[in-house]
């Protein structure tokens, strides 16, 4: 599933941090332990101002189709419009999910404003198949992008742009 192909009016990106545990000793010495090498809790707030009802419904339908804050999705290139290199690549070891429901504001002249808050969800990049075509069913993969005629067994959690996949 991909976020609707809409260019936002404004973006706010928070790069998150690496997972870590901090401990302060009784002597006051502060020690930190890094628990991973990928950023967690990256956040992206998108504002769409003065959009049509059709675009409003596209965002709302997308939110409903990914079961609100439950399922993951990927961003369309339009979300990062204007960046030569997006802060978070479109297809990487991060997917996105909604941090909460979209905030919809009625405007004038049949125009609306919508704000969505997204957060990253780390996935194992080795679980991805890009442009699978007739890819073999083994090893099992969790995510398939542009599946083509890839086999549906073993069952996948996410198939994005399923094509003729069974």
C-alpha atoms as a PDB file:
ATOM      1  CA  UNK A   1       0.000   0.000   0.000  1.00  0.00           C
ATOM      2  CA  UNK A   2       1.315   3.449  -0.911  1.00  0.00           C
ATOM      3  CA  UNK A   3       0.296   6.839   0.450  1.00  0.00           C
ATOM      4  CA  UNK A   4      -1.731   8.911  -2.067  1.00  0.00           C
ATOM      5  CA  UNK A   5       0.321  10.720  -4.705  1.00  0.00           C
ATOM      6  CA  UNK A   6      -0.237  14.227  -3.330  1.00  0.00           C
ATOM      7  CA  UNK A   7       2.318  17.003  -2.856  1.00  0.00           C
ATOM      8  CA  UNK A   8       1.991  18.388   0.692  1.00  0.00           C
ATOM      9  CA  UNK A   9       1.766  22.120   1.382  1.00  0.00           C
ATOM     10  CA  UNK A  10       4.173  21.713   4.311  1.00  0.00           C
ATOM     11  CA  UNK A  11       6.299  18.963   5.842  1.00  0.00           C
ATOM     12  CA  UNK A  12       7.838  18.659   9.289  1.00  0.00           C
ATOM     13  CA  UNK A  13      10.431  15.904   9.619  1.00  0.00           C
ATOM     14  CA  UNK A  14      11.948  14.761  12.927  1.00  0.00           C
ATOM     15  CA  UNK A  15      14.885  12.378  12.325  1.00  0.00           C
ATOM     16  CA  UNK A  16      14.461  10.337  15.519  1.00  0.00           C
ATOM     17  CA  UNK A  17      17.421   8.761  17.263  1.00  0.00           C
ATOM     18  CA  UNK A  18      19.255   5.468  17.564  1.00  0.00           C
ATOM     19  CA  UNK A  19      17.874   3.145  20.250  1.00  0.00           C
ATOM     20  CA  UNK A  20      19.823   3.505  23.444  1.00  0.00           C
ATOM     21  CA  UNK A  21      19.749   2.871  27.156  1.00  0.00           C
ATOM     22  CA  UNK A  22      21.144   5.428  29.578  1.00  0.00           C
ATOM     23  CA  UNK A  23      22.221   4.709  33.099  1.00  0.00           C
ATOM     24  CA  UNK A  24      23.439   7.131  35.755  1.00  0.00           C
ATOM     25  CA  UNK A  25      25.652   5.631  38.450  1.00  0.00           C
ATOM     26  CA  UNK A  26      25.391   6.676  42.085  1.00  0.00           C
ATOM     27  CA  UNK A  27      28.591   8.665  41.540  1.00  0.00           C
ATOM     28  CA  UNK A  28      26.809  10.696  38.862  1.00  0.00           C
ATOM     29  CA  UNK A  29      28.638   9.190  35.886  1.00  0.00           C
ATOM     30  CA  UNK A  30      26.336   8.927  32.859  1.00  0.00           C
ATOM     31  CA  UNK A  31      26.749   5.843  30.673  1.00  0.00           C
ATOM     32  CA  UNK A  32      24.906   5.152  27.439  1.00  0.00           C
ATOM     33  CA  UNK A  33      24.558   1.884  25.562  1.00  0.00           C
ATOM     34  CA  UNK A  34      23.534   1.907  21.936  1.00  0.00           C
ATOM     35  CA  UNK A  35      21.022  -0.870  21.281  1.00  0.00           C
ATOM     36  CA  UNK A  36      20.889  -0.714  17.477  1.00  0.00           C
ATOM     37  CA  UNK A  37      22.178   1.068  14.405  1.00  0.00           C
ATOM     38  CA  UNK A  38      18.932   2.212  12.753  1.00  0.00           C
ATOM     39  CA  UNK A  39      17.029   5.332  13.670  1.00  0.00           C
ATOM     40  CA  UNK A  40      13.766   4.807  15.516  1.00  0.00           C
ATOM     41  CA  UNK A  41      10.779   7.075  16.039  1.00  0.00           C
ATOM     42  CA  UNK A  42      11.323   9.172  12.941  1.00  0.00           C
ATOM     43  CA  UNK A  43       8.271  11.373  12.497  1.00  0.00           C
ATOM     44  CA  UNK A  44       6.787  13.155   9.522  1.00  0.00           C
ATOM     45  CA  UNK A  45       3.896  15.598   9.673  1.00  0.00           C
ATOM     46  CA  UNK A  46       2.262  16.425   6.347  1.00  0.00           C
ATOM     47  CA  UNK A  47      -0.087  19.360   5.843  1.00  0.00           C
ATOM     48  CA  UNK A  48      -2.326  19.541   2.789  1.00  0.00           C
ATOM     49  CA  UNK A  49      -3.969  22.966   2.577  1.00  0.00           C
ATOM     50  CA  UNK A  50      -6.888  23.954   0.339  1.00  0.00           C
ATOM     51  CA  UNK A  51      -7.315  20.549  -1.272  1.00  0.00           C
ATOM     52  CA  UNK A  52     -10.320  19.247  -3.158  1.00  0.00           C
ATOM     53  CA  UNK A  53     -12.843  16.824  -1.747  1.00  0.00           C
ATOM     54  CA  UNK A  54     -11.435  14.087  -4.009  1.00  0.00           C
ATOM     55  CA  UNK A  55      -7.963  14.504  -2.453  1.00  0.00           C
ATOM     56  CA  UNK A  56      -9.469  14.639   1.033  1.00  0.00           C
ATOM     57  CA  UNK A  57     -11.290  11.378   0.360  1.00  0.00           C
ATOM     58  CA  UNK A  58      -8.083   9.798  -1.023  1.00  0.00           C
ATOM     59  CA  UNK A  59      -6.272  10.506   2.255  1.00  0.00           C
ATOM     60  CA  UNK A  60      -9.195   9.393   4.402  1.00  0.00           C
ATOM     61  CA  UNK A  61      -9.698   6.215   2.330  1.00  0.00           C
ATOM     62  CA  UNK A  62      -5.994   5.411   2.650  1.00  0.00           C
ATOM     63  CA  UNK A  63      -6.181   5.798   6.439  1.00  0.00           C
ATOM     64  CA  UNK A  64      -9.166   3.451   6.560  1.00  0.00           C
ATOM     65  CA  UNK A  65      -7.593   0.920   4.158  1.00  0.00           C
ATOM     66  CA  UNK A  66      -4.473   0.530   6.337  1.00  0.00           C
ATOM     67  CA  UNK A  67      -6.661   0.010   9.412  1.00  0.00           C
ATOM     68  CA  UNK A  68      -5.801   3.354  10.975  1.00  0.00           C
ATOM     69  CA  UNK A  69      -2.570   3.198  12.951  1.00  0.00           C
ATOM     70  CA  UNK A  70      -2.225  -0.582  12.581  1.00  0.00           C
ATOM     71  CA  UNK A  71      -0.806  -1.447   9.129  1.00  0.00           C
ATOM     72  CA  UNK A  72       2.316  -0.116   7.440  1.00  0.00           C
ATOM     73  CA  UNK A  73       2.654   1.552   4.052  1.00  0.00           C
ATOM     74  CA  UNK A  74       5.201   3.314   1.882  1.00  0.00           C
ATOM     75  CA  UNK A  75       5.306   6.941   0.793  1.00  0.00           C
ATOM     76  CA  UNK A  76       4.728   8.062  -2.763  1.00  0.00           C
ATOM     77  CA  UNK A  77       7.509  10.120  -4.416  1.00  0.00           C
ATOM     78  CA  UNK A  78       5.217  13.170  -4.373  1.00  0.00           C
ATOM     79  CA  UNK A  79       5.442  13.343  -0.572  1.00  0.00           C
ATOM     80  CA  UNK A  80       9.143  14.243  -0.867  1.00  0.00           C
ATOM     81  CA  UNK A  81       8.614  16.562  -3.854  1.00  0.00           C
ATOM     82  CA  UNK A  82      11.382  19.162  -3.936  1.00  0.00           C
ATOM     83  CA  UNK A  83      14.044  16.959  -2.318  1.00  0.00           C
ATOM     84  CA  UNK A  84      16.948  15.781  -4.457  1.00  0.00           C
ATOM     85  CA  UNK A  85      17.574  13.093  -1.814  1.00  0.00           C
ATOM     86  CA  UNK A  86      14.703  12.414   0.608  1.00  0.00           C
ATOM     87  CA  UNK A  87      15.657  12.174   4.303  1.00  0.00           C
ATOM     88  CA  UNK A  88      14.156   8.678   4.370  1.00  0.00           C
ATOM     89  CA  UNK A  89      14.415   6.791   1.041  1.00  0.00           C
ATOM     90  CA  UNK A  90      11.117   5.655  -0.500  1.00  0.00           C
ATOM     91  CA  UNK A  91      12.060   1.973  -0.475  1.00  0.00           C
ATOM     92  CA  UNK A  92      14.353   1.238   2.429  1.00  0.00           C
ATOM     93  CA  UNK A  93      14.347  -0.640   5.692  1.00  0.00           C
ATOM     94  CA  UNK A  94      11.634   1.714   6.942  1.00  0.00           C
ATOM     95  CA  UNK A  95       7.946   1.685   6.280  1.00  0.00           C
ATOM     96  CA  UNK A  96       5.462   4.200   7.693  1.00  0.00           C
ATOM     97  CA  UNK A  97       2.306   4.060   9.762  1.00  0.00           C
ATOM     98  CA  UNK A  98      -0.121   6.682  10.972  1.00  0.00           C
ATOM     99  CA  UNK A  99       0.620   8.081  14.445  1.00  0.00           C
ATOM    100  CA  UNK A 100      -3.041   9.056  14.761  1.00  0.00           C
ATOM    101  CA  UNK A 101      -6.073   9.844  12.625  1.00  0.00           C
ATOM    102  CA  UNK A 102      -5.899  12.637  10.022  1.00  0.00           C
ATOM    103  CA  UNK A 103      -7.034  16.056  11.257  1.00  0.00           C
ATOM    104  CA  UNK A 104      -9.533  17.410   8.729  1.00  0.00           C
ATOM    105  CA  UNK A 105     -10.504  21.081   8.734  1.00  0.00           C
ATOM    106  CA  UNK A 106     -13.359  22.449   6.636  1.00  0.00           C
ATOM    107  CA  UNK A 107     -12.380  25.472   4.632  1.00  0.00           C
ATOM    108  CA  UNK A 108     -14.218  27.813   2.338  1.00  0.00           C
ATOM    109  CA  UNK A 109     -15.230  27.369  -1.293  1.00  0.00           C
ATOM    110  CA  UNK A 110     -15.384  23.569  -1.009  1.00  0.00           C
ATOM    111  CA  UNK A 111     -11.721  23.274  -0.014  1.00  0.00           C
ATOM    112  CA  UNK A 112     -10.310  21.397   2.973  1.00  0.00           C
ATOM    113  CA  UNK A 113      -7.097  21.197   4.953  1.00  0.00           C
ATOM    114  CA  UNK A 114      -5.768  17.879   6.210  1.00  0.00           C
ATOM    115  CA  UNK A 115      -2.848  17.167   8.509  1.00  0.00           C
ATOM    116  CA  UNK A 116      -1.432  13.677   9.025  1.00  0.00           C
ATOM    117  CA  UNK A 117       1.242  12.528  11.442  1.00  0.00           C
ATOM    118  CA  UNK A 118       3.342   9.535  10.424  1.00  0.00           C
ATOM    119  CA  UNK A 119       6.020   7.538  12.197  1.00  0.00           C
ATOM    120  CA  UNK A 120       8.551   5.058  10.851  1.00  0.00           C
ATOM    121  CA  UNK A 121       8.359   1.342  11.348  1.00  0.00           C
ATOM    122  CA  UNK A 122      11.637  -0.551  10.992  1.00  0.00           C
ATOM    123  CA  UNK A 123      11.527  -3.676   8.846  1.00  0.00           C
ATOM    124  CA  UNK A 124      14.194  -6.192   7.903  1.00  0.00           C
ATOM    125  CA  UNK A 125      15.432  -5.079   4.495  1.00  0.00           C
ATOM    126  CA  UNK A 126      16.325  -8.704   3.706  1.00  0.00           C
ATOM    127  CA  UNK A 127      12.612  -9.520   3.960  1.00  0.00           C
ATOM    128  CA  UNK A 128      11.858  -7.310   0.947  1.00  0.00           C
ATOM    129  CA  UNK A 129      11.553  -8.448  -2.653  1.00  0.00           C
ATOM    130  CA  UNK A 130      11.550  -5.659  -5.223  1.00  0.00           C
ATOM    131  CA  UNK A 131       9.968  -6.334  -8.617  1.00  0.00           C
ATOM    132  CA  UNK A 132       9.455 -10.022  -7.833  1.00  0.00           C
ATOM    133  CA  UNK A 133       8.163 -11.105 -11.235  1.00  0.00           C
ATOM    134  CA  UNK A 134       8.165 -14.909 -11.020  1.00  0.00           C
ATOM    135  CA  UNK A 135      10.214 -15.053  -7.805  1.00  0.00           C
ATOM    136  CA  UNK A 136      10.455 -18.368  -6.022  1.00  0.00           C
ATOM    137  CA  UNK A 137       8.438 -18.898  -2.881  1.00  0.00           C
ATOM    138  CA  UNK A 138      11.545 -19.715  -0.826  1.00  0.00           C
ATOM    139  CA  UNK A 139      13.027 -18.270   1.209  1.00  0.00           C
ATOM    140  CA  UNK A 140       9.872 -16.862   2.788  1.00  0.00           C
ATOM    141  CA  UNK A 141       9.652 -13.081   2.585  1.00  0.00           C
ATOM    142  CA  UNK A 142       7.414 -10.846   4.653  1.00  0.00           C
ATOM    143  CA  UNK A 143       7.117  -7.965   2.177  1.00  0.00           C
ATOM    144  CA  UNK A 144       6.847  -8.053  -1.616  1.00  0.00           C
ATOM    145  CA  UNK A 145       6.857  -4.852  -3.639  1.00  0.00           C
ATOM    146  CA  UNK A 146       5.621  -5.028  -7.245  1.00  0.00           C
ATOM    147  CA  UNK A 147       4.958  -8.757  -6.909  1.00  0.00           C
ATOM    148  CA  UNK A 148       4.199  -9.567 -10.536  1.00  0.00           C
ATOM    149  CA  UNK A 149       3.379 -13.287 -10.753  1.00  0.00           C
ATOM    150  CA  UNK A 150       5.125 -14.248  -7.490  1.00  0.00           C
ATOM    151  CA  UNK A 151       3.757 -17.242  -5.628  1.00  0.00           C
ATOM    152  CA  UNK A 152       1.497 -16.529  -2.675  1.00  0.00           C
ATOM    153  CA  UNK A 153       2.890 -19.438  -0.665  1.00  0.00           C
ATOM    154  CA  UNK A 154       4.250 -19.186   1.891  1.00  0.00           C
ATOM    155  CA  UNK A 155       1.796 -16.477   2.927  1.00  0.00           C
ATOM    156  CA  UNK A 156       3.146 -12.936   2.956  1.00  0.00           C
ATOM    157  CA  UNK A 157       2.155 -10.290   5.467  1.00  0.00           C
ATOM    158  CA  UNK A 158       2.289  -7.460   2.926  1.00  0.00           C
ATOM    159  CA  UNK A 159       2.094  -7.545  -0.855  1.00  0.00           C
ATOM    160  CA  UNK A 160       2.317  -4.103  -2.381  1.00  0.00           C
ATOM    161  CA  UNK A 161       1.235  -3.703  -6.032  1.00  0.00           C
ATOM    162  CA  UNK A 162       0.347  -7.379  -6.279  1.00  0.00           C
ATOM    163  CA  UNK A 163       0.084  -7.546 -10.084  1.00  0.00           C
ATOM    164  CA  UNK A 164      -0.817 -11.135 -10.982  1.00  0.00           C
ATOM    165  CA  UNK A 165       0.406 -12.632  -7.694  1.00  0.00           C
ATOM    166  CA  UNK A 166      -1.787 -15.449  -6.417  1.00  0.00           C
END
